[in-house]
Amino acid sequence: MEIYNDGWQDFENFVPIKKETLEESFKSMEPIMDEHLIQFAYFNGEPASFVVLIPDANQMIKGFNGKLGLIEKLKFAYRRWVGVTRMRAIVMGTKPKFQKHGLESVLFIRLGEYVLPKNQYKELELSWVGDFNEQMIAIHKATGATFGKKHLTMRKVF
């Protein structure tokens, strides 16, 4: 929470995250989370950077058509146990004073050390990066990511 609120504060329309919201979010993601896909970087004991990835829940609920009966719950549990092939980046951030020090790269290297030997995940969606966020676009390029979709931020002042 500290890293997020510090790292994102300079973006337009930023709203600080509250502890209750964070706890609620993590609780709702708990059924699909893989704790190894959440990484933190510290500098002299101070939280400096983080990244949160989750296995793609869409692969687990495919074909449910909005239903969650016993059969769907069993299918979900099986698919969770077998594993999915895709991950999604939910959120990441770095405090401004630690930006441009390579911490994000270190976090992705650490994730790679966990993910690659598993030979399970084939794809990572680094989603919802605004076209205004040059630092994140640079990270995408540095990791060799290819863009599947591009969203454009548009504004109309009334």
C-alpha atoms as a PDB file:
ATOM      1  CA  MET A   1       0.000   0.000   0.000  1.00  0.00           C
ATOM      2  CA  GLU A   2       2.841   2.352   0.890  1.00  0.00           C
ATOM      3  CA  ILE A   3       4.659   1.679  -2.393  1.00  0.00           C
ATOM      4  CA  TYR A   4       1.501   1.980  -4.479  1.00  0.00           C
ATOM      5  CA  ASN A   5       0.362   5.227  -2.898  1.00  0.00           C
ATOM      6  CA  ASP A   6       3.813   6.781  -3.215  1.00  0.00           C
ATOM      7  CA  GLY A   7       4.573   5.449  -6.692  1.00  0.00           C
ATOM      8  CA  TRP A   8       1.265   6.365  -8.309  1.00  0.00           C
ATOM      9  CA  GLN A   9       0.561   9.705  -6.619  1.00  0.00           C
ATOM     10  CA  ASP A  10       1.754  11.849  -9.526  1.00  0.00           C
ATOM     11  CA  PHE A  11      -0.661  10.305 -12.039  1.00  0.00           C
ATOM     12  CA  GLU A  12      -3.734  12.310 -12.908  1.00  0.00           C
ATOM     13  CA  ASN A  13      -6.922  11.138 -11.155  1.00  0.00           C
ATOM     14  CA  PHE A  14      -4.901   9.057  -8.676  1.00  0.00           C
ATOM     15  CA  VAL A  15      -6.861   7.888  -5.637  1.00  0.00           C
ATOM     16  CA  PRO A  16      -4.815   6.431  -2.753  1.00  0.00           C
ATOM     17  CA  ILE A  17      -5.651   2.830  -1.931  1.00  0.00           C
ATOM     18  CA  LYS A  18      -6.963   2.121   1.545  1.00  0.00           C
ATOM     19  CA  LYS A  19      -6.010  -0.836   3.703  1.00  0.00           C
ATOM     20  CA  GLU A  20      -9.590  -2.138   3.682  1.00  0.00           C
ATOM     21  CA  THR A  21      -9.725  -2.046  -0.122  1.00  0.00           C
ATOM     22  CA  LEU A  22      -6.399  -3.845  -0.377  1.00  0.00           C
ATOM     23  CA  GLU A  23      -7.430  -6.559   2.077  1.00  0.00           C
ATOM     24  CA  GLU A  24     -10.757  -7.011   0.278  1.00  0.00           C
ATOM     25  CA  SER A  25      -9.016  -7.303  -3.091  1.00  0.00           C
ATOM     26  CA  PHE A  26      -6.530  -9.898  -1.890  1.00  0.00           C
ATOM     27  CA  LYS A  27      -9.267 -11.889  -0.179  1.00  0.00           C
ATOM     28  CA  SER A  28     -11.304 -12.007  -3.391  1.00  0.00           C
ATOM     29  CA  MET A  29      -8.234 -13.127  -5.388  1.00  0.00           C
ATOM     30  CA  GLU A  30      -7.192 -15.768  -2.847  1.00  0.00           C
ATOM     31  CA  PRO A  31      -8.800 -18.747  -4.667  1.00  0.00           C
ATOM     32  CA  ILE A  32      -6.611 -18.171  -7.732  1.00  0.00           C
ATOM     33  CA  MET A  33      -3.467 -16.600  -6.268  1.00  0.00           C
ATOM     34  CA  ASP A  34      -0.008 -18.093  -6.434  1.00  0.00           C
ATOM     35  CA  GLU A  35       2.020 -16.380  -3.716  1.00  0.00           C
ATOM     36  CA  HIS A  36       5.225 -16.820  -5.715  1.00  0.00           C
ATOM     37  CA  LEU A  37       3.818 -14.470  -8.349  1.00  0.00           C
ATOM     38  CA  ILE A  38       3.859 -11.584  -5.878  1.00  0.00           C
ATOM     39  CA  GLN A  39       7.293 -10.030  -5.479  1.00  0.00           C
ATOM     40  CA  PHE A  40       8.627  -7.158  -3.363  1.00  0.00           C
ATOM     41  CA  ALA A  41      11.937  -5.323  -3.472  1.00  0.00           C
ATOM     42  CA  TYR A  42      13.358  -3.555  -0.427  1.00  0.00           C
ATOM     43  CA  PHE A  43      16.180  -1.070  -0.058  1.00  0.00           C
ATOM     44  CA  ASN A  44      17.810  -1.084   3.389  1.00  0.00           C
ATOM     45  CA  GLY A  45      14.608  -2.544   4.835  1.00  0.00           C
ATOM     46  CA  GLU A  46      12.345   0.029   3.192  1.00  0.00           C
ATOM     47  CA  PRO A  47       9.647  -1.241   0.798  1.00  0.00           C
ATOM     48  CA  ALA A  48      10.683   0.086  -2.617  1.00  0.00           C
ATOM     49  CA  SER A  49       8.951  -1.809  -5.442  1.00  0.00           C
ATOM     50  CA  PHE A  50       6.419  -4.581  -6.048  1.00  0.00           C
ATOM     51  CA  VAL A  51       4.621  -6.569  -8.718  1.00  0.00           C
ATOM     52  CA  VAL A  52       1.454  -8.665  -8.389  1.00  0.00           C
ATOM     53  CA  LEU A  53       0.650 -11.311 -10.996  1.00  0.00           C
ATOM     54  CA  ILE A  54      -2.150 -13.856 -10.857  1.00  0.00           C
ATOM     55  CA  PRO A  55      -2.951 -16.932 -12.909  1.00  0.00           C
ATOM     56  CA  ASP A  56      -5.576 -16.007 -15.509  1.00  0.00           C
ATOM     57  CA  ALA A  57      -8.945 -16.791 -13.933  1.00  0.00           C
ATOM     58  CA  ASN A  58     -10.600 -16.640 -17.355  1.00  0.00           C
ATOM     59  CA  GLN A  59      -8.960 -19.966 -18.218  1.00  0.00           C
ATOM     60  CA  MET A  60     -10.379 -21.460 -15.018  1.00  0.00           C
ATOM     61  CA  ILE A  61     -13.971 -20.304 -15.573  1.00  0.00           C
ATOM     62  CA  LYS A  62     -14.197 -20.764 -19.340  1.00  0.00           C
ATOM     63  CA  GLY A  63     -17.542 -22.241 -20.330  1.00  0.00           C
ATOM     64  CA  PHE A  64     -19.287 -21.572 -17.013  1.00  0.00           C
ATOM     65  CA  ASN A  65     -21.715 -19.103 -18.634  1.00  0.00           C
ATOM     66  CA  GLY A  66     -22.056 -17.183 -15.376  1.00  0.00           C
ATOM     67  CA  LYS A  67     -23.010 -20.272 -13.352  1.00  0.00           C
ATOM     68  CA  LEU A  68     -21.164 -21.522 -10.283  1.00  0.00           C
ATOM     69  CA  GLY A  69     -22.903 -24.717  -9.259  1.00  0.00           C
ATOM     70  CA  LEU A  70     -21.284 -27.884  -7.972  1.00  0.00           C
ATOM     71  CA  ILE A  71     -20.076 -29.022 -11.416  1.00  0.00           C
ATOM     72  CA  GLU A  72     -18.515 -25.621 -12.127  1.00  0.00           C
ATOM     73  CA  LYS A  73     -16.842 -25.567  -8.713  1.00  0.00           C
ATOM     74  CA  LEU A  74     -15.347 -28.996  -9.371  1.00  0.00           C
ATOM     75  CA  LYS A  75     -14.148 -27.896 -12.818  1.00  0.00           C
ATOM     76  CA  PHE A  76     -12.681 -24.739 -11.278  1.00  0.00           C
ATOM     77  CA  ALA A  77     -10.828 -26.749  -8.607  1.00  0.00           C
ATOM     78  CA  TYR A  78      -9.501 -29.156 -11.227  1.00  0.00           C
ATOM     79  CA  ARG A  79      -8.319 -26.384 -13.542  1.00  0.00           C
ATOM     80  CA  ARG A  80      -6.703 -24.587 -10.605  1.00  0.00           C
ATOM     81  CA  TRP A  81      -4.927 -27.781  -9.579  1.00  0.00           C
ATOM     82  CA  VAL A  82      -3.777 -28.639 -13.119  1.00  0.00           C
ATOM     83  CA  GLY A  83      -2.724 -25.048 -13.674  1.00  0.00           C
ATOM     84  CA  VAL A  84      -3.334 -22.502 -16.368  1.00  0.00           C
ATOM     85  CA  THR A  85      -0.934 -21.359 -19.054  1.00  0.00           C
ATOM     86  CA  ARG A  86      -1.416 -17.642 -18.742  1.00  0.00           C
ATOM     87  CA  MET A  87      -0.685 -15.028 -16.083  1.00  0.00           C
ATOM     88  CA  ARG A  88      -1.936 -11.473 -15.750  1.00  0.00           C
ATOM     89  CA  ALA A  89      -0.095  -8.552 -14.210  1.00  0.00           C
ATOM     90  CA  ILE A  90      -2.578  -6.907 -11.891  1.00  0.00           C
ATOM     91  CA  VAL A  91      -0.562  -4.044 -10.458  1.00  0.00           C
ATOM     92  CA  MET A  92       3.004  -2.958  -9.951  1.00  0.00           C
ATOM     93  CA  GLY A  93       4.698   0.094  -8.614  1.00  0.00           C
ATOM     94  CA  THR A  94       7.940   1.638  -7.446  1.00  0.00           C
ATOM     95  CA  LYS A  95       8.461   4.571  -5.147  1.00  0.00           C
ATOM     96  CA  PRO A  96       9.745   7.571  -7.123  1.00  0.00           C
ATOM     97  CA  LYS A  97      13.044   7.734  -5.235  1.00  0.00           C
ATOM     98  CA  PHE A  98      13.810   4.150  -6.318  1.00  0.00           C
ATOM     99  CA  GLN A  99      12.743   4.473  -9.940  1.00  0.00           C
ATOM    100  CA  LYS A 100      15.389   4.137 -12.647  1.00  0.00           C
ATOM    101  CA  HIS A 101      17.424   1.776 -10.439  1.00  0.00           C
ATOM    102  CA  GLY A 102      16.360  -1.433 -12.174  1.00  0.00           C
ATOM    103  CA  LEU A 103      14.172  -2.783  -9.374  1.00  0.00           C
ATOM    104  CA  GLU A 104      11.364  -3.667 -11.760  1.00  0.00           C
ATOM    105  CA  SER A 105      13.816  -5.676 -13.849  1.00  0.00           C
ATOM    106  CA  VAL A 106      15.027  -7.515 -10.762  1.00  0.00           C
ATOM    107  CA  LEU A 107      11.454  -8.399  -9.834  1.00  0.00           C
ATOM    108  CA  PHE A 108      10.785  -9.797 -13.307  1.00  0.00           C
ATOM    109  CA  ILE A 109      14.062 -11.763 -13.199  1.00  0.00           C
ATOM    110  CA  ARG A 110      12.989 -13.268  -9.853  1.00  0.00           C
ATOM    111  CA  LEU A 111       9.587 -14.104 -11.295  1.00  0.00           C
ATOM    112  CA  GLY A 112      11.328 -15.772 -14.231  1.00  0.00           C
ATOM    113  CA  GLU A 113      13.387 -17.893 -11.843  1.00  0.00           C
ATOM    114  CA  TYR A 114      10.139 -19.268 -10.436  1.00  0.00           C
ATOM    115  CA  VAL A 115       8.011 -19.392 -13.589  1.00  0.00           C
ATOM    116  CA  LEU A 116      10.397 -20.749 -16.221  1.00  0.00           C
ATOM    117  CA  PRO A 117      11.397 -24.018 -14.466  1.00  0.00           C
ATOM    118  CA  LYS A 118       7.698 -24.822 -13.886  1.00  0.00           C
ATOM    119  CA  ASN A 119       7.214 -24.925 -17.670  1.00  0.00           C
ATOM    120  CA  GLN A 120       3.542 -24.168 -17.052  1.00  0.00           C
ATOM    121  CA  TYR A 121       3.008 -20.538 -17.917  1.00  0.00           C
ATOM    122  CA  LYS A 122       3.375 -19.683 -21.586  1.00  0.00           C
ATOM    123  CA  GLU A 123       2.030 -16.135 -21.562  1.00  0.00           C
ATOM    124  CA  LEU A 124       1.981 -13.058 -19.353  1.00  0.00           C
ATOM    125  CA  GLU A 125      -0.460 -10.268 -19.982  1.00  0.00           C
ATOM    126  CA  LEU A 126       0.993  -6.948 -18.886  1.00  0.00           C
ATOM    127  CA  SER A 127      -2.352  -5.262 -19.107  1.00  0.00           C
ATOM    128  CA  TRP A 128      -3.778  -1.836 -18.546  1.00  0.00           C
ATOM    129  CA  VAL A 129      -0.674   0.185 -19.191  1.00  0.00           C
ATOM    130  CA  GLY A 130      -1.755   3.654 -20.184  1.00  0.00           C
ATOM    131  CA  ASP A 131      -0.255   5.105 -23.350  1.00  0.00           C
ATOM    132  CA  PHE A 132       0.895   7.971 -21.108  1.00  0.00           C
ATOM    133  CA  ASN A 133       2.979   5.654 -18.881  1.00  0.00           C
ATOM    134  CA  GLU A 134       6.339   5.772 -20.635  1.00  0.00           C
ATOM    135  CA  GLN A 135       8.158   3.907 -17.863  1.00  0.00           C
ATOM    136  CA  MET A 136       5.874   0.886 -18.114  1.00  0.00           C
ATOM    137  CA  ILE A 137       6.026   0.895 -21.897  1.00  0.00           C
ATOM    138  CA  ALA A 138       9.822   0.834 -21.557  1.00  0.00           C
ATOM    139  CA  ILE A 139       9.574  -2.193 -19.229  1.00  0.00           C
ATOM    140  CA  HIS A 140       7.396  -3.971 -21.790  1.00  0.00           C
ATOM    141  CA  LYS A 141      10.000  -3.348 -24.477  1.00  0.00           C
ATOM    142  CA  ALA A 142      12.892  -4.363 -22.203  1.00  0.00           C
ATOM    143  CA  THR A 143      11.232  -7.699 -21.381  1.00  0.00           C
ATOM    144  CA  GLY A 144      10.685  -8.465 -25.052  1.00  0.00           C
ATOM    145  CA  ALA A 145       6.923  -8.267 -24.718  1.00  0.00           C
ATOM    146  CA  THR A 146       4.805  -8.056 -27.826  1.00  0.00           C
ATOM    147  CA  PHE A 147       1.685  -5.944 -27.838  1.00  0.00           C
ATOM    148  CA  GLY A 148      -1.491  -7.890 -28.436  1.00  0.00           C
ATOM    149  CA  LYS A 149      -3.774  -4.890 -28.018  1.00  0.00           C
ATOM    150  CA  LYS A 150      -3.245  -1.212 -27.642  1.00  0.00           C
ATOM    151  CA  HIS A 151      -5.659   0.996 -25.754  1.00  0.00           C
ATOM    152  CA  LEU A 152      -5.655   4.718 -26.298  1.00  0.00           C
ATOM    153  CA  THR A 153      -6.469   7.137 -23.512  1.00  0.00           C
ATOM    154  CA  MET A 154      -8.810   9.821 -24.769  1.00  0.00           C
ATOM    155  CA  ARG A 155     -10.259  12.774 -22.947  1.00  0.00           C
ATOM    156  CA  LYS A 156     -13.110  15.141 -23.635  1.00  0.00           C
ATOM    157  CA  VAL A 157     -13.393  18.169 -21.383  1.00  0.00           C
ATOM    158  CA  PHE A 158     -16.981  19.239 -20.768  1.00  0.00           C
END
